Amino acid sequence: MALLPVASALEQILSGIGAPVEETVSVFEADGRVLTRDLAAKFTQPPFAASAMDGYAVHGAYAAPVGARWTVIGESAAGRSFAGRVAPDEAVRIFTGAPVPADCGTVVIQEDVERSGDVIVATDATAAGGNIRPAGNDFSEGALLLKRGHRLDPHGVTLAAAMGYGEVPVARRPVVAILATGDELVQPGVRPGADQIVSSNPAGIAALVVRAGGVALQLGIVADRMDDLRARITEARGADILVTIGGASVGDHDLVGPALKAEGIDLAFWKVAIRPGKPLMFGRLGPTRVLGLPGNPVSALITARVFLVPLIHALVGIAADTEARETAILTQALEANGPRLHLMRAKLGRDATGAPTVTPMPSQDSSLLSALVDADCLIWREPGAEAAGVGEAARVERL
């Protein structure tokens, strides 16, 4: 099977995805969730003219000159407004966030008056209408403030609550089953034997899944035995996505492909023109999308960013980010690229003028996790790209 271009592979992975499955959650549990409907404000915020400062509300929306005098006749605090009438020579003690009395249109801050008993005298001038937040200053009832496809963060959750929502409609988080394969693997925290290594990939893939908006379901490690593989694959049939890690190549012990075929996978492709990560597989087991990642940790993490994260985003209704990549100036020359998209680990910086620069990591060995951790971006080198010199622009994607 020929190497498939990355764009074609991604198109097949994302094909046939319909509208997200909707569920309703409390705003207290909505952080990171994606809205499935537009939300309009149920209330006006603030619902009344409110004081922006601690001070004194005075009659009318007039300027308060130095030497102006008022008699304090009451108090307005948050949750306890002043309901009486206020004459031109009267004032009401008021606190931040409290409703401004109906007859008042200016708040003189407490630092700009001297008070003796119930009489205050302005020691500094206040502009007409000063220190008041008008009703609807933030938003008005009916205003469309949060749109479908918006991923809520602490700011969005706070806004939804202020708009009057105790619950919000969000996309159900897709369940991503993660299965590591290989006789040589042991769980993190276990000291490996002489011919063993730690299964680190599932932890990193799970972190990507959660950040993308999914739920990570760990299926553990399965040995390189056909019956064991098929049994574990069967456990994943209720998941939205099954991610297998390792065993997807063509060696004698690479049994993931044959096991999936035995379970009836509709294989879309195997092998993609990407570096690192060529032995990547995708197909479907009924409604479950199956993504077979390479076993190499760096290859697994990078291909998961390129293919798995967009798949989860599509399932929860997050629009593809067409501006995810930017340009930076190369500080080192790059050789001409081969026939595969090369995603080079690199580090961003700034030159003397403040322009963004990018420096490839000293080694692009796909087995070096430490180099991946030190990198903060990927340089996208298209297939067949010509050599690039110092000072030329490169396309980069932040990690």
Foldseek 3Di string as FASTA:
>chain_A
DDAAALVVVQCVLQPPFDQFDKDKDFLVPQAQFFAQFFDFFQFWVPQAKWFQAFAKFAFAQAKAAAFQKAFEDEEWEVVRGDADDHDRRHIHGYHGGTHRYPRTQEGDHHVQWDDDHRMIGGNHMDHGNPRIQGTNNPHGGGHGDGGGQDGHHVVNSVVCVVSPDRMGMGGDAFEEEEEEEEPQEDDPPDDGDPRHDYQPQLVLLQVLSVNLRHHYHYLYYFYLDLVRLLVSVVVCVVGQEYEYEALQDPDPSSCNVVSVVVLPWAWDDAAHQEPPWGGWTWTDNVNYTYIYTYNQRLRRNVVCVSRVSVSSSSNRRNDDDPPQKDKAFEQAKFAFAAQGWYWFFWAWDADPVRGIHIYGQPDRPSNDPVSNVVGFKTWTRHHRGHIGGGGDMTIIGGD
